[in-house]
N, C-alpha and C. Protein backbone atom coordinates (compact mmCIF):
# COMPACT_ATOMS: atom_id res chain seq x y z
N MET A 1 29.44 151.49 108.56
CA MET A 1 28.54 150.61 109.89
C MET A 1 29.00 150.70 111.26
N TYR A 2 28.37 151.77 112.23
CA TYR A 2 28.75 152.80 113.77
C TYR A 2 28.03 151.77 114.43
N CYS A 3 28.66 151.19 115.32
CA CYS A 3 27.97 150.72 116.91
C CYS A 3 28.34 150.96 117.90
N GLY A 4 28.19 151.13 119.18
CA GLY A 4 28.89 151.28 120.86
C GLY A 4 28.57 152.50 120.53
N ILE A 5 28.84 152.68 121.64
CA ILE A 5 28.80 154.30 122.31
C ILE A 5 28.12 155.93 121.56
N ASN A 6 26.87 155.94 121.98
CA ASN A 6 27.11 157.35 121.65
C ASN A 6 26.96 157.52 119.86
N GLY A 7 27.03 156.11 119.01
CA GLY A 7 27.61 155.88 117.78
C GLY A 7 28.85 156.11 117.44
N LEU A 8 29.42 156.05 117.89
CA LEU A 8 31.41 156.14 117.72
C LEU A 8 31.00 154.76 117.39
N ALA A 9 32.14 154.93 116.02
CA ALA A 9 32.43 153.81 115.62
C ALA A 9 33.74 152.85 116.42
N LEU A 10 33.73 151.33 116.45
CA LEU A 10 34.12 150.82 116.97
C LEU A 10 35.17 150.05 116.14
N TRP A 11 35.59 150.28 115.04
CA TRP A 11 35.81 149.03 113.84
C TRP A 11 37.13 149.38 114.23
N PRO A 12 37.93 150.71 114.62
CA PRO A 12 39.86 151.35 114.22
C PRO A 12 40.36 150.63 115.58
N VAL A 13 39.45 150.58 116.51
CA VAL A 13 39.60 149.85 118.54
C VAL A 13 39.81 147.75 117.76
N ALA A 14 38.78 147.93 117.46
CA ALA A 14 39.12 146.66 116.75
C ALA A 14 40.36 145.85 116.11
N ILE A 15 40.53 146.82 115.15
CA ILE A 15 42.02 146.67 113.85
C ILE A 15 42.94 146.58 115.20
N LEU A 16 43.09 148.33 116.03
CA LEU A 16 44.30 147.87 116.66
C LEU A 16 44.12 146.57 117.89
N ALA A 17 43.29 146.08 118.12
CA ALA A 17 43.23 145.20 119.09
C ALA A 17 44.21 143.93 118.49
N ILE A 18 43.44 143.80 116.83
CA ILE A 18 44.25 142.87 116.97
C ILE A 18 45.03 142.90 116.08
N LEU A 19 45.87 144.06 115.51
CA LEU A 19 46.97 143.95 115.30
C LEU A 19 48.48 144.19 116.28
N TYR A 20 47.89 145.16 117.24
CA TYR A 20 48.97 145.05 118.09
C TYR A 20 49.70 143.88 118.78
N PRO A 21 48.49 143.22 119.19
CA PRO A 21 49.45 141.25 119.44
C PRO A 21 50.43 141.12 118.17
N ILE A 22 50.00 141.09 117.18
CA ILE A 22 50.90 140.95 115.96
C ILE A 22 52.47 141.35 115.62
N PHE A 23 51.97 143.19 116.20
CA PHE A 23 53.42 143.97 116.46
C PHE A 23 53.84 143.31 117.80
N LEU A 24 53.60 143.24 118.35
CA LEU A 24 54.46 142.96 119.74
C LEU A 24 55.15 141.33 119.40
N ILE A 25 54.44 140.45 118.66
CA ILE A 25 55.19 139.14 118.73
C ILE A 25 56.23 139.35 117.41
N THR A 26 56.02 140.41 116.67
CA THR A 26 57.31 140.84 115.71
C THR A 26 57.98 141.57 116.07
N ILE A 27 57.70 142.31 116.70
CA ILE A 27 59.32 143.56 117.51
C ILE A 27 60.04 142.02 118.75
N SER A 28 59.39 141.05 119.16
CA SER A 28 59.89 140.57 120.55
C SER A 28 60.47 139.02 119.87
N THR A 29 60.11 138.87 118.46
CA THR A 29 60.85 137.61 117.90
C THR A 29 61.94 138.20 116.39
N ASN A 30 62.59 139.51 116.69
CA ASN A 30 63.43 139.95 116.50
C ASN A 30 64.45 140.86 117.01
N ILE A 31 65.25 139.68 117.32
CA ILE A 31 66.53 139.84 117.97
C ILE A 31 67.19 141.03 117.90
N ARG A 32 67.62 141.66 116.84
CA ARG A 32 67.73 142.41 116.19
C ARG A 32 67.72 143.96 116.55
N TRP A 33 66.58 144.05 116.47
CA TRP A 33 65.83 145.35 116.38
C TRP A 33 66.39 145.62 117.45
N ASN A 34 66.72 145.36 118.41
CA ASN A 34 67.37 145.67 120.05
C ASN A 34 65.96 146.94 120.76
N VAL A 35 65.06 146.52 120.35
CA VAL A 35 63.66 146.92 121.33
C VAL A 35 63.68 147.35 122.63
N PHE A 36 63.77 146.38 123.31
CA PHE A 36 63.53 145.88 124.70
C PHE A 36 65.29 145.89 125.41
N VAL A 37 66.33 145.31 124.63
CA VAL A 37 66.87 144.79 125.41
C VAL A 37 68.42 145.21 124.28
N LYS A 38 69.08 145.92 124.77
CA LYS A 38 70.23 145.81 123.80
C LYS A 38 71.48 144.94 124.40
N GLY A 39 71.11 144.16 122.64
CA GLY A 39 72.41 143.48 122.66
C GLY A 39 73.62 143.45 121.37
N PHE A 40 73.91 142.70 121.60
CA PHE A 40 75.15 142.17 120.74
C PHE A 40 75.02 141.24 119.35
N HIS A 41 74.97 141.95 118.15
CA HIS A 41 74.47 140.91 117.24
C HIS A 41 75.34 140.64 115.69
N HIS A 42 76.15 142.27 115.86
CA HIS A 42 77.14 141.53 114.71
C HIS A 42 77.75 142.93 115.11
N GLN A 43 78.98 142.72 114.34
CA GLN A 43 80.08 144.83 114.53
C GLN A 43 80.06 144.65 113.29
N LYS A 44 79.27 145.94 113.38
CA LYS A 44 79.58 146.67 111.64
C LYS A 44 80.66 147.36 111.46
N ASP A 45 80.39 146.95 110.26
CA ASP A 45 82.23 147.67 109.34
C ASP A 45 83.21 147.24 109.98
N HIS A 46 83.14 146.13 110.38
CA HIS A 46 84.79 145.63 111.30
C HIS A 46 85.44 145.43 110.24
N PRO A 47 86.30 146.31 110.64
CA PRO A 47 88.10 146.56 109.60
C PRO A 47 88.52 144.59 109.26
N LYS A 48 88.30 143.83 110.00
CA LYS A 48 89.39 142.81 109.95
C LYS A 48 87.92 141.70 109.38
N LYS A 49 88.82 140.26 108.61
CA LYS A 49 88.10 139.26 108.22
C LYS A 49 87.73 138.22 108.92
N GLU A 50 86.87 138.77 110.25
CA GLU A 50 86.78 138.03 111.66
C GLU A 50 85.26 137.40 111.84
N VAL A 51 84.53 136.57 111.80
CA VAL A 51 83.23 136.57 112.87
C VAL A 51 83.34 135.46 113.48
N CYS A 52 82.13 135.36 114.06
CA CYS A 52 82.02 134.18 115.57
C CYS A 52 80.76 133.30 114.65
N LEU A 53 81.67 132.26 115.43
CA LEU A 53 80.58 131.01 115.22
C LEU A 53 79.57 131.08 116.41
N THR A 54 78.36 130.73 116.53
CA THR A 54 77.26 130.50 117.65
C THR A 54 77.42 129.60 117.53
N PHE A 55 77.01 128.27 118.72
CA PHE A 55 76.31 127.08 118.65
C PHE A 55 74.85 127.22 119.75
N ASP A 56 73.44 126.93 119.66
CA ASP A 56 73.02 126.47 120.25
C ASP A 56 72.20 125.37 120.68
N ASP A 57 71.58 125.01 121.78
CA ASP A 57 71.07 124.17 122.12
C ASP A 57 71.77 122.44 122.93
N GLY A 58 72.86 122.81 122.81
CA GLY A 58 74.06 121.77 123.17
C GLY A 58 73.91 121.96 124.68
N PRO A 59 75.08 121.47 125.11
CA PRO A 59 75.63 120.58 124.46
C PRO A 59 74.83 119.12 124.08
N THR A 60 75.76 117.98 123.13
CA THR A 60 74.87 117.02 122.55
C THR A 60 75.76 115.97 122.36
N GLU A 61 75.90 114.74 122.23
CA GLU A 61 76.84 113.52 121.29
C GLU A 61 77.35 114.94 119.91
N ILE A 62 76.84 115.21 119.94
CA ILE A 62 77.50 115.58 118.38
C ILE A 62 78.59 116.82 118.79
N THR A 63 77.96 117.44 119.85
CA THR A 63 79.49 118.56 120.54
C THR A 63 80.56 118.35 119.99
N PRO A 64 81.30 117.22 120.46
CA PRO A 64 82.33 116.72 120.66
C PRO A 64 82.99 116.73 118.75
N LYS A 65 82.21 116.35 117.69
CA LYS A 65 82.48 116.41 116.47
C LYS A 65 82.37 117.75 116.14
N ILE A 66 81.48 118.89 116.74
CA ILE A 66 82.05 120.09 115.93
C ILE A 66 83.26 120.37 116.84
N LEU A 67 83.75 120.54 118.21
CA LEU A 67 84.33 120.61 118.52
C LEU A 67 86.02 119.89 117.21
N ASN A 68 86.13 119.23 117.36
CA ASN A 68 87.57 118.29 116.29
C ASN A 68 87.21 119.55 115.14
N LEU A 69 85.96 119.53 114.68
CA LEU A 69 86.28 120.14 113.44
C LEU A 69 86.66 121.69 113.25
N LEU A 70 86.19 122.29 114.82
CA LEU A 70 86.89 123.91 114.94
C LEU A 70 88.23 123.86 115.28
N ASP A 71 89.00 122.31 116.13
CA ASP A 71 90.38 122.22 116.53
C ASP A 71 90.76 122.17 115.28
N LYS A 72 90.56 121.47 114.27
CA LYS A 72 91.02 121.01 112.75
C LYS A 72 91.68 122.74 112.32
N TYR A 73 90.63 123.67 112.14
CA TYR A 73 90.82 124.69 110.94
C TYR A 73 91.07 125.62 112.20
N ASP A 74 91.37 125.56 113.15
CA ASP A 74 91.80 126.87 114.18
C ASP A 74 90.73 127.82 114.28
N ALA A 75 89.48 127.23 114.30
CA ALA A 75 88.39 128.40 115.00
C ALA A 75 88.18 128.14 116.04
N LYS A 76 87.43 129.26 116.68
CA LYS A 76 86.86 129.66 118.37
C LYS A 76 85.42 129.80 118.09
N ALA A 77 85.05 129.27 118.78
CA ALA A 77 83.12 129.75 119.09
C ALA A 77 82.80 130.14 120.56
N CYS A 78 81.48 130.29 120.71
CA CYS A 78 80.73 130.11 121.92
C CYS A 78 80.09 129.06 121.44
N PHE A 79 79.73 128.85 122.65
CA PHE A 79 78.49 127.45 122.98
C PHE A 79 77.30 127.89 123.88
N PHE A 80 76.28 128.63 123.35
CA PHE A 80 74.79 128.42 124.20
C PHE A 80 74.19 127.31 124.35
N CYS A 81 74.55 127.06 125.99
CA CYS A 81 74.23 126.14 126.90
C CYS A 81 73.01 126.06 127.36
N ILE A 82 72.01 124.66 127.18
CA ILE A 82 70.81 124.14 128.25
C ILE A 82 71.70 123.68 128.94
N GLY A 83 70.73 124.08 130.29
CA GLY A 83 70.76 123.62 131.94
C GLY A 83 71.08 122.41 131.73
N THR A 84 69.96 121.56 131.07
CA THR A 84 69.34 120.16 131.29
C THR A 84 70.33 119.59 130.21
N GLN A 85 70.71 119.75 129.65
CA GLN A 85 72.01 119.40 128.45
C GLN A 85 72.97 119.40 129.10
N MET A 86 73.31 120.50 129.97
CA MET A 86 74.46 120.08 130.58
C MET A 86 74.60 119.38 131.81
N GLU A 87 73.66 119.04 132.43
CA GLU A 87 73.62 117.99 133.30
C GLU A 87 73.58 116.42 132.84
N LYS A 88 73.50 116.76 131.61
CA LYS A 88 73.51 114.96 130.95
C LYS A 88 74.77 114.60 130.18
N HIS A 89 75.67 115.83 129.92
CA HIS A 89 77.36 116.20 129.04
C HIS A 89 78.07 116.74 130.05
N PRO A 90 78.18 116.83 131.05
CA PRO A 90 78.86 117.75 131.63
C PRO A 90 80.45 117.41 131.58
N GLU A 91 80.93 116.70 130.73
CA GLU A 91 81.97 116.25 130.83
C GLU A 91 82.97 117.17 129.34
N VAL A 92 81.16 117.52 128.11
CA VAL A 92 81.45 117.63 126.62
C VAL A 92 82.10 119.25 127.04
N VAL A 93 81.01 120.29 128.56
CA VAL A 93 80.80 121.59 128.90
C VAL A 93 82.67 121.55 129.46
N ARG A 94 83.16 120.48 129.46
CA ARG A 94 84.97 121.04 129.77
C ARG A 94 85.52 120.93 129.05
N GLN A 95 85.27 119.86 127.93
CA GLN A 95 85.92 119.95 127.00
C GLN A 95 86.02 121.19 126.41
N ILE A 96 84.08 121.72 126.04
CA ILE A 96 84.50 122.96 125.06
C ILE A 96 85.28 124.36 125.79
N ILE A 97 85.17 124.21 127.39
CA ILE A 97 86.22 125.37 127.69
C ILE A 97 87.93 125.13 127.88
N GLU A 98 88.00 123.51 127.35
CA GLU A 98 89.42 123.15 127.67
C GLU A 98 90.23 123.40 126.01
N ASN A 99 89.09 123.58 124.92
CA ASN A 99 89.45 123.94 123.89
C ASN A 99 89.63 125.33 123.42
N GLY A 100 89.18 125.82 124.27
CA GLY A 100 89.21 127.27 123.98
C GLY A 100 88.89 128.12 123.70
N HIS A 101 87.31 127.44 124.24
CA HIS A 101 86.08 128.20 122.99
C HIS A 101 85.32 128.38 125.18
N ILE A 102 84.22 129.59 124.46
CA ILE A 102 83.81 129.72 125.37
C ILE A 102 81.99 129.39 125.52
N ILE A 103 81.29 129.32 127.28
CA ILE A 103 79.83 129.37 126.80
C ILE A 103 78.76 130.25 127.28
N GLY A 104 77.81 130.00 126.83
CA GLY A 104 76.75 131.22 127.49
C GLY A 104 75.46 130.67 127.93
N ASN A 105 75.09 131.13 128.34
CA ASN A 105 73.63 130.86 129.30
C ASN A 105 72.44 130.87 128.42
N HIS A 106 71.85 129.79 127.72
CA HIS A 106 70.26 129.86 126.92
C HIS A 106 69.68 129.02 127.68
N THR A 107 69.31 129.24 129.36
CA THR A 107 68.41 128.98 129.87
C THR A 107 68.02 127.46 130.63
N TYR A 108 67.79 127.20 131.83
CA TYR A 108 67.57 125.69 131.68
C TYR A 108 66.49 125.05 131.09
N SER A 109 66.02 125.32 130.78
CA SER A 109 64.78 124.10 130.19
C SER A 109 64.76 124.34 128.78
N HIS A 110 64.60 125.44 128.02
CA HIS A 110 64.19 125.75 126.34
C HIS A 110 63.06 125.76 126.32
N THR A 111 62.37 126.05 127.02
CA THR A 111 61.13 125.97 127.00
C THR A 111 60.10 126.22 125.69
N ARG A 112 59.34 125.62 125.41
CA ARG A 112 58.27 126.09 124.31
C ARG A 112 57.94 127.46 123.99
N LYS A 113 57.63 127.40 126.26
CA LYS A 113 56.62 128.58 126.42
C LYS A 113 57.73 130.13 127.19
N MET A 114 58.73 130.07 126.12
CA MET A 114 59.96 131.23 126.79
C MET A 114 58.68 132.59 126.69
N GLY A 115 58.71 132.60 125.73
CA GLY A 115 57.92 134.00 125.37
C GLY A 115 56.25 133.89 126.40
N PHE A 116 55.89 133.51 127.27
CA PHE A 116 54.55 133.43 128.07
C PHE A 116 55.33 133.45 129.56
N LEU A 117 56.58 132.85 130.11
CA LEU A 117 57.13 132.94 131.25
C LEU A 117 56.96 134.74 131.68
N SER A 118 56.67 134.70 133.20
CA SER A 118 56.83 135.39 133.84
C SER A 118 58.05 136.14 134.00
N SER A 119 58.89 137.17 134.12
CA SER A 119 60.03 137.69 134.36
C SER A 119 60.57 136.93 135.95
N LYS A 120 60.08 136.30 136.45
CA LYS A 120 60.45 135.90 137.86
C LYS A 120 61.34 134.59 136.91
N SER A 121 60.31 134.20 136.46
CA SER A 121 60.29 132.28 136.36
C SER A 121 61.05 132.56 135.40
N LEU A 122 61.55 133.68 134.32
CA LEU A 122 62.75 133.45 133.32
C LEU A 122 63.82 133.73 134.31
N ALA A 123 64.19 134.45 134.74
CA ALA A 123 65.26 134.78 135.85
C ALA A 123 65.32 133.55 136.67
N ARG A 124 64.81 132.71 136.94
CA ARG A 124 64.73 131.59 137.74
C ARG A 124 65.57 130.26 136.65
N GLU A 125 64.82 130.68 135.14
CA GLU A 125 65.44 129.48 133.84
C GLU A 125 67.28 130.07 133.86
N ILE A 126 67.36 131.34 133.61
CA ILE A 126 68.80 132.01 134.20
C ILE A 126 69.55 131.37 134.67
N ASP A 127 69.00 131.65 136.63
CA ASP A 127 69.81 130.99 137.61
C ASP A 127 70.14 130.02 137.49
N ALA A 128 69.20 128.62 137.41
CA ALA A 128 69.85 128.27 137.49
C ALA A 128 70.65 127.34 136.21
N CYS A 129 70.49 127.89 135.51
CA CYS A 129 71.55 127.45 134.44
C CYS A 129 73.07 127.45 134.85
N ASP A 130 72.76 128.66 135.20
CA ASP A 130 74.02 129.61 135.67
C ASP A 130 74.64 128.85 136.46
N ILE A 131 73.61 128.30 137.55
CA ILE A 131 74.46 127.09 138.80
C ILE A 131 74.83 126.31 138.19
N ILE A 132 74.53 126.09 137.35
CA ILE A 132 74.93 124.18 136.41
C ILE A 132 76.30 124.89 135.44
N ALA A 133 76.19 125.59 135.33
CA ALA A 133 77.31 126.02 134.73
C ALA A 133 78.71 126.21 135.54
N ASN A 134 78.11 126.69 137.14
CA ASN A 134 79.03 127.01 137.50
C ASN A 134 79.77 125.94 138.47
N ASP A 135 78.66 124.37 138.75
CA ASP A 135 79.25 123.72 139.68
C ASP A 135 79.77 123.23 138.71
N ILE A 136 79.90 123.03 137.03
CA ILE A 136 80.70 121.84 135.89
C ILE A 136 82.28 122.80 136.27
N SER A 137 81.92 124.13 135.79
CA SER A 137 83.39 124.72 135.60
C SER A 137 83.72 125.66 136.17
N GLY A 138 83.08 126.46 136.85
CA GLY A 138 84.04 127.12 138.07
C GLY A 138 83.21 128.27 137.76
N LEU A 139 82.78 128.92 136.26
CA LEU A 139 82.69 129.81 135.70
C LEU A 139 81.11 130.40 136.18
N LYS A 140 81.06 131.64 135.98
CA LYS A 140 80.22 132.42 135.96
C LYS A 140 79.58 133.07 134.68
N LEU A 141 78.97 132.61 134.26
CA LEU A 141 78.59 133.37 132.78
C LEU A 141 78.03 134.72 132.71
N TYR A 142 78.15 135.05 131.92
CA TYR A 142 77.34 136.92 131.58
C TYR A 142 76.72 136.67 130.60
N PHE A 143 77.15 135.98 129.06
CA PHE A 143 76.61 136.13 128.00
C PHE A 143 75.35 134.84 128.44
N PHE A 144 73.46 135.98 127.74
CA PHE A 144 73.14 134.82 127.53
C PHE A 144 72.23 134.84 126.30
N ARG A 145 71.77 134.49 125.65
CA ARG A 145 71.21 133.63 124.61
C ARG A 145 70.15 133.63 124.99
N PRO A 146 68.80 134.50 124.44
CA PRO A 146 67.06 133.41 125.05
C PRO A 146 66.83 132.96 123.66
N PRO A 147 66.49 131.90 124.14
CA PRO A 147 65.86 130.61 123.06
C PRO A 147 64.27 131.63 122.27
N PHE A 148 65.23 131.17 121.28
CA PHE A 148 63.92 131.62 120.02
C PHE A 148 64.26 132.67 119.88
N GLY A 149 65.12 133.24 120.40
CA GLY A 149 65.31 134.76 120.62
C GLY A 149 64.43 135.43 120.68
N ILE A 150 63.69 135.42 121.44
CA ILE A 150 62.42 135.88 122.04
C ILE A 150 63.01 136.80 123.13
N ILE A 151 63.12 138.30 123.03
CA ILE A 151 62.60 139.54 123.63
C ILE A 151 61.88 139.92 123.52
N ASN A 152 60.85 140.64 124.96
CA ASN A 152 60.22 141.11 125.20
C ASN A 152 60.01 142.00 126.50
N PRO A 153 59.47 143.08 127.21
CA PRO A 153 59.40 143.57 128.29
C PRO A 153 59.68 142.40 129.70
N LYS A 154 59.12 141.45 129.29
CA LYS A 154 59.90 140.28 130.77
C LYS A 154 60.98 139.92 130.68
N THR A 155 61.23 139.55 129.44
CA THR A 155 62.83 139.52 129.76
C THR A 155 63.58 140.55 129.49
N LYS A 156 63.17 142.16 129.61
CA LYS A 156 64.25 142.99 129.70
C LYS A 156 63.89 143.13 130.98
N ARG A 157 63.04 142.84 132.20
CA ARG A 157 63.00 143.05 133.64
C ARG A 157 63.54 141.86 134.03
N ALA A 158 63.69 140.43 133.80
CA ALA A 158 64.44 139.25 134.50
C ALA A 158 65.89 139.66 134.09
N LEU A 159 66.40 140.34 133.08
CA LEU A 159 67.97 140.37 132.76
C LEU A 159 68.26 141.32 133.55
N GLN A 160 67.36 142.83 133.70
CA GLN A 160 67.58 143.51 134.97
C GLN A 160 68.06 143.40 136.09
N ASN A 161 67.18 142.13 136.98
CA ASN A 161 67.72 141.00 137.58
C ASN A 161 69.28 140.25 137.76
N THR A 162 69.26 140.29 136.33
CA THR A 162 70.48 138.96 136.60
C THR A 162 71.78 139.54 136.42
N GLY A 163 71.46 140.32 135.17
CA GLY A 163 73.04 141.45 134.61
C GLY A 163 73.45 140.79 133.35
N HIS A 164 73.12 139.98 133.00
CA HIS A 164 73.40 139.08 131.74
C HIS A 164 73.82 140.39 130.46
N HIS A 165 74.66 139.65 129.43
CA HIS A 165 75.02 140.45 128.30
C HIS A 165 74.06 139.60 127.17
N VAL A 166 72.94 140.11 126.41
CA VAL A 166 72.43 139.55 125.57
C VAL A 166 73.41 139.29 124.41
N ILE A 167 73.35 138.14 123.71
CA ILE A 167 74.07 137.97 122.50
C ILE A 167 73.69 137.30 121.78
N GLY A 168 73.22 138.00 120.45
CA GLY A 168 72.17 137.49 119.31
C GLY A 168 73.25 137.42 118.11
N TRP A 169 72.74 137.22 116.64
CA TRP A 169 73.30 137.24 115.64
C TRP A 169 73.11 138.07 114.74
N ASN A 170 73.14 138.14 113.43
CA ASN A 170 73.25 138.67 112.10
C ASN A 170 72.61 137.53 111.08
N LEU A 171 73.69 136.62 111.04
CA LEU A 171 73.27 135.79 110.13
C LEU A 171 72.95 134.62 110.46
N ARG A 172 71.16 133.86 110.24
CA ARG A 172 70.91 133.06 110.12
C ARG A 172 71.19 131.42 109.17
N THR A 173 71.82 130.77 109.73
CA THR A 173 71.39 129.75 108.60
C THR A 173 70.33 128.68 108.80
N TYR A 174 69.58 128.37 109.49
CA TYR A 174 68.28 128.00 109.60
C TYR A 174 68.54 126.58 109.31
N ASP A 175 70.18 126.15 110.20
CA ASP A 175 70.43 124.29 109.84
C ASP A 175 69.09 123.74 111.30
N ALA A 176 68.83 124.10 111.82
CA ALA A 176 67.34 123.41 112.81
C ALA A 176 65.73 123.49 112.19
N ILE A 177 65.82 123.85 111.12
CA ILE A 177 64.65 123.89 110.15
C ILE A 177 64.50 123.04 108.92
N LEU A 178 65.75 123.48 108.26
CA LEU A 178 66.39 123.06 106.80
C LEU A 178 66.32 122.09 106.88
N ASN A 179 66.40 120.66 105.50
CA ASN A 179 67.54 119.91 105.45
C ASN A 179 68.10 119.83 103.90
N ASP A 180 68.41 120.84 103.26
CA ASP A 180 68.41 120.93 102.55
C ASP A 180 70.33 121.97 102.85
N GLU A 181 71.47 120.62 102.49
CA GLU A 181 72.75 121.19 103.42
C GLU A 181 73.10 122.72 102.20
N THR A 182 72.89 121.67 101.17
CA THR A 182 73.83 122.70 100.09
C THR A 182 72.61 124.41 100.30
N LYS A 183 71.84 124.71 100.06
CA LYS A 183 71.26 125.70 100.23
C LYS A 183 71.50 126.63 101.31
N ILE A 184 71.43 125.46 102.97
CA ILE A 184 71.90 126.43 103.55
C ILE A 184 73.29 127.13 103.65
N LEU A 185 74.28 126.04 102.94
CA LEU A 185 75.77 126.81 103.14
C LEU A 185 75.80 127.94 102.03
N ASN A 186 75.11 127.62 100.99
CA ASN A 186 75.11 128.91 100.20
C ASN A 186 74.83 130.25 100.60
N ARG A 187 73.66 129.98 101.28
CA ARG A 187 73.03 131.14 101.88
C ARG A 187 74.09 132.17 102.75
N VAL A 188 75.01 131.15 103.88
CA VAL A 188 75.91 131.62 104.40
C VAL A 188 76.76 132.40 103.64
N LYS A 189 77.66 131.74 102.71
CA LYS A 189 78.50 132.45 101.80
C LYS A 189 77.75 133.53 101.03
N ARG A 190 76.58 133.43 100.77
CA ARG A 190 76.36 134.62 100.11
C ARG A 190 76.33 136.22 100.67
N LYS A 191 75.76 135.52 101.77
CA LYS A 191 75.42 136.97 103.17
C LYS A 191 76.96 136.93 103.92
N LEU A 192 77.61 136.28 104.21
CA LEU A 192 78.50 136.73 105.26
C LEU A 192 78.95 137.60 104.91
N LYS A 193 80.11 138.29 105.57
CA LYS A 193 81.34 139.75 105.79
C LYS A 193 81.07 139.43 107.21
N PRO A 194 82.41 140.98 107.02
CA PRO A 194 83.52 140.83 108.52
C PRO A 194 82.74 141.14 109.56
N GLY A 195 82.81 140.34 110.58
CA GLY A 195 81.98 141.16 111.80
C GLY A 195 80.46 140.62 111.76
N ASP A 196 80.10 139.59 111.43
CA ASP A 196 78.77 138.39 111.16
C ASP A 196 79.10 137.21 112.99
N VAL A 197 77.72 137.45 113.29
CA VAL A 197 77.38 136.29 114.63
C VAL A 197 76.71 135.49 113.84
N ILE A 198 77.41 134.09 113.16
CA ILE A 198 76.57 133.18 113.18
C ILE A 198 75.46 132.47 113.61
N LEU A 199 74.65 132.12 113.52
CA LEU A 199 73.72 130.74 113.97
C LEU A 199 73.65 129.98 113.82
N LEU A 200 74.28 128.60 114.06
CA LEU A 200 74.16 127.54 113.76
C LEU A 200 73.63 126.07 115.28
N HIS A 201 73.52 125.47 115.19
CA HIS A 201 73.00 124.48 116.58
C HIS A 201 73.96 123.23 116.49
N ASP A 202 74.09 122.93 117.95
CA ASP A 202 75.39 121.68 118.04
C ASP A 202 74.07 120.18 118.12
N ASN A 203 73.19 120.48 118.06
CA ASN A 203 72.46 119.35 117.89
C ASN A 203 71.23 118.61 116.87
N LYS A 204 72.19 118.94 116.12
CA LYS A 204 71.97 118.76 114.46
C LYS A 204 73.14 118.27 113.71
N GLU A 205 73.29 116.29 113.40
CA GLU A 205 73.66 115.63 112.53
C GLU A 205 74.24 116.66 111.66
N GLN A 206 73.62 117.50 110.70
CA GLN A 206 73.75 117.35 109.28
C GLN A 206 74.90 119.03 109.66
N THR A 207 74.96 119.58 111.36
CA THR A 207 75.83 120.57 111.55
C THR A 207 76.96 120.54 110.98
N ALA A 208 77.78 119.47 111.67
CA ALA A 208 78.71 119.06 111.54
C ALA A 208 78.80 118.91 110.25
N ARG A 209 78.56 119.03 109.22
CA ARG A 209 78.94 118.23 107.79
C ARG A 209 78.85 119.44 106.97
N ILE A 210 77.52 120.78 107.26
CA ILE A 210 77.91 121.74 107.39
C ILE A 210 78.89 123.15 107.01
N LEU A 211 78.96 122.15 108.61
CA LEU A 211 80.81 123.38 109.13
C LEU A 211 81.46 123.16 109.06
N GLU A 212 82.16 121.69 108.34
CA GLU A 212 83.12 121.71 108.10
C GLU A 212 83.34 122.51 106.40
N GLN A 213 82.49 121.93 105.61
CA GLN A 213 82.32 123.22 104.55
C GLN A 213 82.29 124.58 104.68
N LEU A 214 81.72 124.99 105.36
CA LEU A 214 82.12 126.55 106.31
C LEU A 214 83.50 126.46 106.63
N LEU A 215 83.60 125.91 107.42
CA LEU A 215 85.35 126.23 107.94
C LEU A 215 86.23 126.51 106.62
N MET A 216 86.21 125.60 105.74
CA MET A 216 86.63 125.98 104.40
C MET A 216 86.52 126.45 103.76
N HIS A 217 85.81 127.08 103.66
CA HIS A 217 85.00 128.61 102.76
C HIS A 217 85.72 129.80 103.59
N LEU A 218 85.67 129.90 105.29
CA LEU A 218 86.44 130.80 105.85
C LEU A 218 87.41 130.52 106.27
N GLN A 219 88.46 129.44 105.42
CA GLN A 219 90.13 129.36 105.39
C GLN A 219 90.33 130.04 103.88
N ALA A 220 89.42 129.06 103.21
CA ALA A 220 90.35 129.67 101.56
C ALA A 220 89.73 131.22 101.73
N ASN A 221 88.96 131.95 102.19
CA ASN A 221 88.59 133.31 101.76
C ASN A 221 89.56 134.26 102.96
N GLU A 222 90.15 133.26 103.81
CA GLU A 222 91.42 134.26 104.79
C GLU A 222 89.74 135.17 105.92
N TYR A 223 89.56 134.11 105.86
CA TYR A 223 88.38 134.62 107.03
C TYR A 223 88.74 133.23 108.64
N GLN A 224 88.51 134.87 109.59
CA GLN A 224 89.08 134.00 111.34
C GLN A 224 87.74 133.99 111.92
N ALA A 225 87.71 132.57 112.53
CA ALA A 225 86.41 132.41 113.44
C ALA A 225 86.99 132.66 115.28
N ILE A 226 86.03 133.78 115.33
CA ILE A 226 86.54 134.41 116.38
C ILE A 226 85.65 134.09 118.01
N ARG A 227 85.65 134.45 118.97
CA ARG A 227 84.80 134.34 119.51
C ARG A 227 84.08 135.64 120.17
N PRO A 228 82.73 136.22 120.57
CA PRO A 228 82.17 136.88 120.49
C PRO A 228 82.52 138.03 121.56
N ASP A 229 83.50 137.58 122.67
CA ASP A 229 84.16 137.82 123.66
C ASP A 229 84.90 139.30 123.25
N GLN A 230 85.87 138.61 122.17
CA GLN A 230 86.82 139.03 121.49
C GLN A 230 86.41 139.87 120.61
N LEU A 231 85.45 139.56 119.47
CA LEU A 231 84.77 140.08 118.66
C LEU A 231 84.35 142.14 119.86
N PHE A 232 83.42 141.47 120.34
CA PHE A 232 82.72 142.86 121.01
C PHE A 232 83.63 143.69 121.77
N ARG A 233 84.64 142.88 122.61
CA ARG A 233 85.80 143.37 123.33
C ARG A 233 84.77 143.57 124.82
N ILE A 234 84.51 142.35 125.14
CA ILE A 234 83.92 142.73 126.64
C ILE A 234 83.94 141.14 127.13
N HIS A 235 83.89 141.02 128.44
CA HIS A 235 84.34 139.82 129.19
C HIS A 235 82.93 138.97 129.07
N ALA A 236 83.45 137.74 128.38
CA ALA A 236 82.15 136.40 128.60
C ALA A 236 82.10 135.86 130.05
N TYR A 237 82.70 136.05 131.16
CA TYR A 237 82.28 135.34 132.15
C TYR A 237 82.94 136.89 133.38
N ILE A 238 81.99 136.72 134.45
CA ILE A 238 81.27 137.35 135.84
C ILE A 238 82.94 137.29 136.72
């Protein structure tokens, strides 16, 4: 059926209008594709049995449990902290750093509207988180992980202004979504390989239980958990 001006078919335009938003959402939420911003997601063909453990959405009252486990198994990690959470738990931020781990920027509020923020609003979110981290630790953060892994053209413009490195992941545990701890752990064990960057959350009670089992597995298989700055050989702080 034809409609429109001079009998031209408009259905191809309609299909494109429907598919384009789907396409944009798909590429914006797949941080590993490096479509808009080049990030660090894993170290391909890494020669050593080393992986990175990264924790999002803290610090919380659960974070000290995570820190104790990391210390117990001589593992290091990176914590991508939310500004509002750092305001609530400044002592935990200091403990993270004192224990030899690093912190990164996970925006000030971790708003669910992240994908709809303007580049200026996102830059303000990043800057506000940086200021809080600096007030607590004296450090200027260089690493940034976007909430929900959303990277779009507005994220690109914001990061051009702030100058942060994007640290993504290539092995997601789904600990923030799934409740089956055995399923989560088995998935990680099955996919684990040298150079992986593993995504976890230190605002979930079950993550502490999963983490100990994961650390035992790493130790049994002679893996070492190191920080992203060590894996990628880049600076975590400016």
